């Protein structure tokens, strides 16, 4: 379930490339964000990492081989993850897709999507903060 402490947001980044390391660095410099890494191996390990880290935000890189639509459907079908935000970074055009599950999960796969163009580190931090 997402972490409920409003003073510190927990970010869980899936991936182990230099890109994810760079994003983590940008998110931790001068902020109070708690950033953790996890490597996607399978759905059970993925969900276990989420339960253990209790993130407010999950950050994914679109250029990975993951089936992002399947992951979104899986995450947002779990009522205990209400309020979770999933951010997908698209390297090809500096776009970020933000998916947010409503605080009260009313129906399966019900979530909103917003898109942002990010060109500066402080813009990324602001989007991650919500």
N, C-alpha and C. Protein backbone atom coordinates (compact mmCIF):
# COMPACT_ATOMS: atom_id res chain seq x y z
N UNK A 1 0.84 -1.18 0.00
CA UNK A 1 0.00 0.00 0.00
C UNK A 1 0.88 1.23 0.00
N UNK A 2 0.43 2.35 -0.60
CA UNK A 2 1.25 3.55 -0.64
C UNK A 2 1.55 4.06 0.76
N UNK A 3 2.69 4.66 0.90
CA UNK A 3 3.12 5.21 2.18
C UNK A 3 2.21 6.38 2.54
N UNK A 4 1.80 6.49 3.77
CA UNK A 4 0.83 7.51 4.15
C UNK A 4 1.45 8.75 4.76
N UNK A 5 2.75 8.78 5.00
CA UNK A 5 3.40 9.95 5.58
C UNK A 5 3.49 11.03 4.52
N UNK A 6 2.75 12.13 4.71
CA UNK A 6 2.70 13.18 3.71
C UNK A 6 3.96 14.03 3.67
N UNK A 7 4.78 14.02 4.71
CA UNK A 7 5.96 14.86 4.73
C UNK A 7 7.08 14.32 3.86
N UNK A 8 7.15 13.04 3.68
CA UNK A 8 8.20 12.44 2.87
C UNK A 8 7.58 11.52 1.84
N UNK A 9 7.84 11.81 0.58
CA UNK A 9 7.33 10.94 -0.47
C UNK A 9 8.37 9.89 -0.80
N UNK A 10 7.88 8.68 -1.03
CA UNK A 10 8.75 7.57 -1.41
C UNK A 10 8.57 7.30 -2.90
N UNK A 11 9.70 7.25 -3.57
CA UNK A 11 9.71 7.01 -5.01
C UNK A 11 10.41 5.68 -5.24
N UNK A 12 9.80 4.81 -6.02
CA UNK A 12 10.40 3.53 -6.36
C UNK A 12 10.66 3.53 -7.87
N UNK A 13 11.95 3.48 -8.23
CA UNK A 13 12.35 3.49 -9.63
C UNK A 13 12.68 2.06 -10.05
N UNK A 14 12.03 1.61 -11.11
CA UNK A 14 12.33 0.28 -11.64
C UNK A 14 13.29 0.43 -12.80
N UNK A 15 14.44 -0.21 -12.67
CA UNK A 15 15.46 -0.17 -13.70
C UNK A 15 16.82 -0.06 -13.07
N UNK A 16 17.84 -0.39 -13.83
CA UNK A 16 19.19 -0.37 -13.29
C UNK A 16 20.18 0.24 -14.27
N UNK A 17 19.70 1.09 -15.16
CA UNK A 17 20.60 1.70 -16.14
C UNK A 17 21.12 3.04 -15.63
N UNK A 18 22.04 3.60 -16.35
CA UNK A 18 22.58 4.90 -15.98
C UNK A 18 21.48 5.97 -16.02
N UNK A 19 20.49 5.77 -16.88
CA UNK A 19 19.37 6.71 -16.95
C UNK A 19 18.62 6.77 -15.62
N UNK A 20 18.26 5.60 -15.09
CA UNK A 20 17.54 5.57 -13.81
C UNK A 20 18.39 6.13 -12.67
N UNK A 21 19.70 5.86 -12.72
CA UNK A 21 20.60 6.43 -11.71
C UNK A 21 20.61 7.95 -11.79
N UNK A 22 20.63 8.48 -13.01
CA UNK A 22 20.61 9.94 -13.19
C UNK A 22 19.32 10.56 -12.70
N UNK A 23 18.21 9.92 -12.99
CA UNK A 23 16.91 10.42 -12.52
C UNK A 23 16.87 10.39 -10.99
N UNK A 24 17.35 9.31 -10.40
CA UNK A 24 17.39 9.21 -8.93
C UNK A 24 18.24 10.33 -8.34
N UNK A 25 19.37 10.60 -8.95
CA UNK A 25 20.24 11.68 -8.49
C UNK A 25 19.50 13.02 -8.53
N UNK A 26 18.82 13.30 -9.64
CA UNK A 26 18.07 14.56 -9.76
C UNK A 26 16.97 14.67 -8.71
N UNK A 27 16.36 13.54 -8.38
CA UNK A 27 15.25 13.56 -7.43
C UNK A 27 15.71 13.67 -5.97
N UNK A 28 16.97 13.38 -5.71
CA UNK A 28 17.43 13.41 -4.31
C UNK A 28 18.24 14.66 -3.98
N UNK A 29 18.78 15.35 -4.97
CA UNK A 29 19.59 16.54 -4.70
C UNK A 29 18.69 17.67 -4.21
N UNK A 30 18.89 18.06 -2.96
CA UNK A 30 18.16 19.18 -2.39
C UNK A 30 16.69 18.93 -2.16
N UNK A 31 16.28 17.67 -2.10
CA UNK A 31 14.87 17.37 -1.83
C UNK A 31 14.78 16.43 -0.63
N UNK A 32 13.57 16.24 -0.15
CA UNK A 32 13.35 15.28 0.93
C UNK A 32 12.72 13.99 0.40
N UNK A 33 12.80 13.78 -0.91
CA UNK A 33 12.25 12.57 -1.50
C UNK A 33 13.12 11.37 -1.16
N UNK A 34 12.49 10.26 -0.83
CA UNK A 34 13.21 9.02 -0.57
C UNK A 34 13.11 8.16 -1.82
N UNK A 35 14.25 7.88 -2.43
CA UNK A 35 14.28 7.17 -3.69
C UNK A 35 14.90 5.79 -3.49
N UNK A 36 14.22 4.78 -4.00
CA UNK A 36 14.72 3.40 -3.94
C UNK A 36 14.68 2.83 -5.35
N UNK A 37 15.54 1.83 -5.57
CA UNK A 37 15.60 1.13 -6.86
C UNK A 37 15.06 -0.28 -6.71
N UNK A 38 14.57 -0.79 -7.81
CA UNK A 38 14.21 -2.20 -7.89
C UNK A 38 14.39 -2.64 -9.33
N UNK A 39 14.68 -3.90 -9.50
CA UNK A 39 14.82 -4.44 -10.85
C UNK A 39 13.62 -5.33 -11.12
N UNK A 40 12.98 -5.12 -12.25
CA UNK A 40 11.82 -5.92 -12.60
C UNK A 40 12.29 -7.29 -13.07
N UNK A 41 11.84 -8.32 -12.38
CA UNK A 41 12.16 -9.69 -12.81
C UNK A 41 10.89 -10.42 -13.23
N UNK A 42 9.83 -10.26 -12.43
CA UNK A 42 8.54 -10.84 -12.77
C UNK A 42 7.47 -10.11 -11.95
N UNK A 43 6.23 -10.42 -12.20
CA UNK A 43 5.13 -9.70 -11.54
C UNK A 43 5.11 -9.89 -10.03
N UNK A 44 5.39 -11.10 -9.56
CA UNK A 44 5.37 -11.33 -8.11
C UNK A 44 6.46 -10.54 -7.41
N UNK A 45 7.67 -10.54 -7.95
CA UNK A 45 8.76 -9.76 -7.35
C UNK A 45 8.46 -8.27 -7.44
N UNK A 46 7.85 -7.85 -8.53
CA UNK A 46 7.45 -6.45 -8.72
C UNK A 46 6.49 -6.02 -7.62
N UNK A 47 5.46 -6.81 -7.40
CA UNK A 47 4.48 -6.48 -6.35
C UNK A 47 5.10 -6.56 -4.96
N UNK A 48 6.00 -7.51 -4.75
CA UNK A 48 6.69 -7.62 -3.47
C UNK A 48 7.54 -6.38 -3.20
N UNK A 49 8.24 -5.88 -4.22
CA UNK A 49 9.02 -4.65 -4.07
C UNK A 49 8.12 -3.47 -3.70
N UNK A 50 6.95 -3.42 -4.27
CA UNK A 50 6.01 -2.34 -3.97
C UNK A 50 5.51 -2.45 -2.54
N UNK A 51 5.17 -3.65 -2.10
CA UNK A 51 4.71 -3.85 -0.72
C UNK A 51 5.80 -3.49 0.28
N UNK A 52 7.04 -3.90 -0.01
CA UNK A 52 8.14 -3.63 0.91
C UNK A 52 8.51 -2.14 0.97
N UNK A 53 8.49 -1.45 -0.16
CA UNK A 53 8.91 -0.06 -0.21
C UNK A 53 7.78 0.94 0.06
N UNK A 54 6.55 0.51 -0.11
CA UNK A 54 5.37 1.36 0.10
C UNK A 54 5.52 2.73 -0.56
N UNK A 55 5.75 2.76 -1.88
CA UNK A 55 5.97 4.05 -2.54
C UNK A 55 4.68 4.84 -2.75
N UNK A 56 4.87 6.15 -2.84
CA UNK A 56 3.78 7.03 -3.28
C UNK A 56 3.78 7.09 -4.80
N UNK A 57 5.00 6.95 -5.37
CA UNK A 57 5.20 7.08 -6.81
C UNK A 57 6.08 5.94 -7.30
N UNK A 58 5.68 5.35 -8.42
CA UNK A 58 6.50 4.37 -9.11
C UNK A 58 6.94 5.02 -10.42
N UNK A 59 8.23 4.96 -10.69
CA UNK A 59 8.76 5.57 -11.90
C UNK A 59 9.29 4.48 -12.83
N UNK A 60 8.83 4.52 -14.08
CA UNK A 60 9.23 3.54 -15.08
C UNK A 60 9.77 4.26 -16.32
N UNK A 61 10.66 3.61 -17.02
CA UNK A 61 11.23 4.12 -18.25
C UNK A 61 10.50 3.43 -19.41
N UNK A 62 9.94 4.21 -20.32
CA UNK A 62 9.17 3.63 -21.43
C UNK A 62 10.02 2.75 -22.33
N UNK A 63 11.31 3.02 -22.40
CA UNK A 63 12.16 2.28 -23.33
C UNK A 63 12.54 0.89 -22.83
N UNK A 64 12.03 0.49 -21.67
CA UNK A 64 12.30 -0.87 -21.20
C UNK A 64 11.42 -1.86 -21.97
N UNK A 65 11.67 -3.11 -21.78
CA UNK A 65 10.93 -4.15 -22.48
C UNK A 65 9.65 -4.55 -21.75
N UNK A 66 9.28 -3.81 -20.72
CA UNK A 66 8.09 -4.15 -19.95
C UNK A 66 6.82 -3.83 -20.73
N UNK A 67 5.79 -4.58 -20.46
CA UNK A 67 4.47 -4.30 -21.02
C UNK A 67 3.81 -3.30 -20.09
N UNK A 68 3.99 -2.01 -20.39
CA UNK A 68 3.54 -0.96 -19.48
C UNK A 68 2.02 -0.94 -19.31
N UNK A 69 1.28 -1.23 -20.36
CA UNK A 69 -0.18 -1.26 -20.24
C UNK A 69 -0.60 -2.37 -19.27
N UNK A 70 0.04 -3.52 -19.36
CA UNK A 70 -0.27 -4.63 -18.44
C UNK A 70 0.08 -4.26 -17.01
N UNK A 71 1.22 -3.61 -16.82
CA UNK A 71 1.64 -3.20 -15.47
C UNK A 71 0.66 -2.20 -14.89
N UNK A 72 0.24 -1.22 -15.68
CA UNK A 72 -0.74 -0.24 -15.19
C UNK A 72 -2.04 -0.92 -14.81
N UNK A 73 -2.53 -1.79 -15.67
CA UNK A 73 -3.78 -2.49 -15.35
C UNK A 73 -3.65 -3.32 -14.08
N UNK A 74 -2.51 -3.97 -13.91
CA UNK A 74 -2.30 -4.79 -12.72
C UNK A 74 -2.27 -3.91 -11.47
N UNK A 75 -1.48 -2.84 -11.50
CA UNK A 75 -1.36 -1.97 -10.33
C UNK A 75 -2.69 -1.34 -9.94
N UNK A 76 -3.38 -0.82 -10.94
CA UNK A 76 -4.59 -0.09 -10.64
C UNK A 76 -5.81 -0.97 -10.43
N UNK A 77 -5.60 -2.28 -10.46
CA UNK A 77 -6.70 -3.19 -10.13
C UNK A 77 -6.61 -3.64 -8.67
N UNK A 78 -5.59 -3.17 -7.95
CA UNK A 78 -5.39 -3.56 -6.56
C UNK A 78 -5.89 -2.42 -5.66
N UNK A 79 -7.03 -2.60 -5.00
CA UNK A 79 -7.63 -1.52 -4.21
C UNK A 79 -6.71 -0.93 -3.13
N UNK A 80 -5.84 -1.73 -2.56
CA UNK A 80 -4.97 -1.21 -1.49
C UNK A 80 -3.92 -0.22 -2.01
N UNK A 81 -3.80 -0.08 -3.33
CA UNK A 81 -2.85 0.88 -3.90
C UNK A 81 -3.53 2.19 -4.29
N UNK A 82 -4.72 2.42 -3.77
CA UNK A 82 -5.44 3.67 -4.06
C UNK A 82 -4.54 4.85 -3.74
N UNK A 83 -4.51 5.82 -4.65
CA UNK A 83 -3.69 7.01 -4.47
C UNK A 83 -2.30 6.89 -5.08
N UNK A 84 -1.93 5.71 -5.53
CA UNK A 84 -0.63 5.49 -6.13
C UNK A 84 -0.52 6.28 -7.43
N UNK A 85 0.67 6.82 -7.68
CA UNK A 85 0.94 7.48 -8.95
C UNK A 85 2.04 6.71 -9.66
N UNK A 86 1.85 6.52 -10.96
CA UNK A 86 2.86 5.86 -11.78
C UNK A 86 3.30 6.87 -12.83
N UNK A 87 4.61 7.07 -12.89
CA UNK A 87 5.17 8.02 -13.85
C UNK A 87 6.00 7.23 -14.85
N UNK A 88 5.69 7.47 -16.13
CA UNK A 88 6.43 6.82 -17.20
C UNK A 88 7.17 7.90 -17.97
N UNK A 89 8.49 7.76 -18.00
CA UNK A 89 9.32 8.73 -18.71
C UNK A 89 9.57 8.22 -20.12
N UNK A 90 9.32 9.09 -21.09
CA UNK A 90 9.55 8.76 -22.49
C UNK A 90 10.78 9.54 -22.96
N UNK A 91 11.85 8.84 -23.20
CA UNK A 91 13.10 9.48 -23.59
C UNK A 91 13.05 10.12 -24.97
N UNK A 92 12.25 9.58 -25.85
CA UNK A 92 12.23 10.02 -27.24
C UNK A 92 11.77 11.47 -27.42
N UNK A 93 10.94 11.97 -26.52
CA UNK A 93 10.39 13.31 -26.73
C UNK A 93 10.27 14.15 -25.45
N UNK A 94 10.99 13.76 -24.39
CA UNK A 94 10.95 14.48 -23.11
C UNK A 94 9.57 14.53 -22.48
N UNK A 95 8.71 13.60 -22.87
CA UNK A 95 7.37 13.56 -22.31
C UNK A 95 7.34 12.65 -21.09
N UNK A 96 6.48 13.03 -20.17
CA UNK A 96 6.24 12.22 -18.98
C UNK A 96 4.74 11.99 -18.90
N UNK A 97 4.37 10.73 -18.76
CA UNK A 97 2.96 10.37 -18.55
C UNK A 97 2.79 10.07 -17.07
N UNK A 98 1.80 10.70 -16.47
CA UNK A 98 1.51 10.48 -15.06
C UNK A 98 0.13 9.86 -14.95
N UNK A 99 0.09 8.69 -14.34
CA UNK A 99 -1.16 7.97 -14.11
C UNK A 99 -1.43 7.97 -12.62
N UNK A 100 -2.62 8.38 -12.26
CA UNK A 100 -2.96 8.44 -10.84
C UNK A 100 -4.25 7.69 -10.59
N UNK A 101 -4.15 6.76 -9.64
CA UNK A 101 -5.33 6.02 -9.23
C UNK A 101 -6.10 6.88 -8.23
N UNK A 102 -7.40 6.96 -8.36
CA UNK A 102 -8.18 7.75 -7.40
C UNK A 102 -7.94 7.28 -5.96
N UNK A 103 -8.08 8.20 -5.01
CA UNK A 103 -7.86 7.87 -3.60
C UNK A 103 -8.79 6.75 -3.15
N UNK A 104 -9.98 6.73 -3.72
CA UNK A 104 -10.92 5.65 -3.43
C UNK A 104 -11.10 4.84 -4.70
N UNK A 105 -10.64 3.62 -4.67
CA UNK A 105 -10.75 2.76 -5.84
C UNK A 105 -12.19 2.34 -6.03
N UNK A 106 -12.83 2.91 -7.04
CA UNK A 106 -14.23 2.60 -7.25
C UNK A 106 -14.43 1.51 -8.30
N UNK A 107 -13.61 1.55 -9.31
CA UNK A 107 -13.76 0.55 -10.37
C UNK A 107 -12.39 0.12 -10.88
N UNK A 108 -12.34 -1.07 -11.33
CA UNK A 108 -11.10 -1.63 -11.86
C UNK A 108 -10.60 -0.78 -13.04
N UNK A 109 -9.29 -0.56 -13.04
CA UNK A 109 -8.63 0.15 -14.14
C UNK A 109 -9.11 1.59 -14.32
N UNK A 110 -9.58 2.20 -13.28
CA UNK A 110 -10.00 3.60 -13.38
C UNK A 110 -8.87 4.48 -12.89
N UNK A 111 -8.28 5.21 -13.81
CA UNK A 111 -7.20 6.12 -13.46
C UNK A 111 -7.13 7.24 -14.48
N UNK A 112 -6.51 8.32 -14.07
CA UNK A 112 -6.35 9.49 -14.93
C UNK A 112 -4.94 9.52 -15.49
N UNK A 113 -4.81 10.07 -16.69
CA UNK A 113 -3.49 10.24 -17.29
C UNK A 113 -3.28 11.71 -17.62
N UNK A 114 -2.12 12.21 -17.22
CA UNK A 114 -1.72 13.56 -17.57
C UNK A 114 -0.38 13.46 -18.28
N UNK A 115 -0.12 14.41 -19.18
CA UNK A 115 1.16 14.43 -19.88
C UNK A 115 1.85 15.76 -19.66
N UNK A 116 3.17 15.68 -19.52
CA UNK A 116 3.98 16.88 -19.31
C UNK A 116 5.23 16.78 -20.17
N UNK A 117 5.71 17.92 -20.64
CA UNK A 117 7.01 18.00 -21.29
C UNK A 117 7.97 18.52 -20.23
N UNK A 118 9.07 17.81 -20.04
CA UNK A 118 10.03 18.17 -19.01
C UNK A 118 11.37 18.48 -19.67
N UNK A 119 11.90 19.67 -19.36
CA UNK A 119 13.20 20.05 -19.91
C UNK A 119 14.20 20.46 -18.84
N UNK A 120 13.73 20.57 -17.59
CA UNK A 120 14.61 21.00 -16.50
C UNK A 120 14.43 20.08 -15.29
N UNK A 121 15.51 19.89 -14.50
CA UNK A 121 15.40 19.02 -13.33
C UNK A 121 14.31 19.44 -12.35
N UNK A 122 14.13 20.74 -12.12
CA UNK A 122 13.12 21.17 -11.16
C UNK A 122 11.71 20.86 -11.65
N UNK A 123 11.50 20.79 -12.96
CA UNK A 123 10.21 20.40 -13.49
C UNK A 123 9.93 18.92 -13.18
N UNK A 124 10.95 18.11 -13.32
CA UNK A 124 10.79 16.69 -12.98
C UNK A 124 10.45 16.50 -11.51
N UNK A 125 11.17 17.20 -10.64
CA UNK A 125 10.92 17.11 -9.20
C UNK A 125 9.48 17.55 -8.89
N UNK A 126 9.04 18.64 -9.51
CA UNK A 126 7.68 19.14 -9.26
C UNK A 126 6.62 18.12 -9.69
N UNK A 127 6.84 17.47 -10.82
CA UNK A 127 5.88 16.47 -11.29
C UNK A 127 5.87 15.26 -10.36
N UNK A 128 7.02 14.82 -9.93
CA UNK A 128 7.09 13.68 -9.03
C UNK A 128 6.41 14.00 -7.71
N UNK A 129 6.59 15.21 -7.22
CA UNK A 129 5.93 15.62 -5.98
C UNK A 129 4.41 15.69 -6.12
N UNK A 130 3.94 15.89 -7.34
CA UNK A 130 2.50 15.96 -7.56
C UNK A 130 2.01 17.36 -7.56
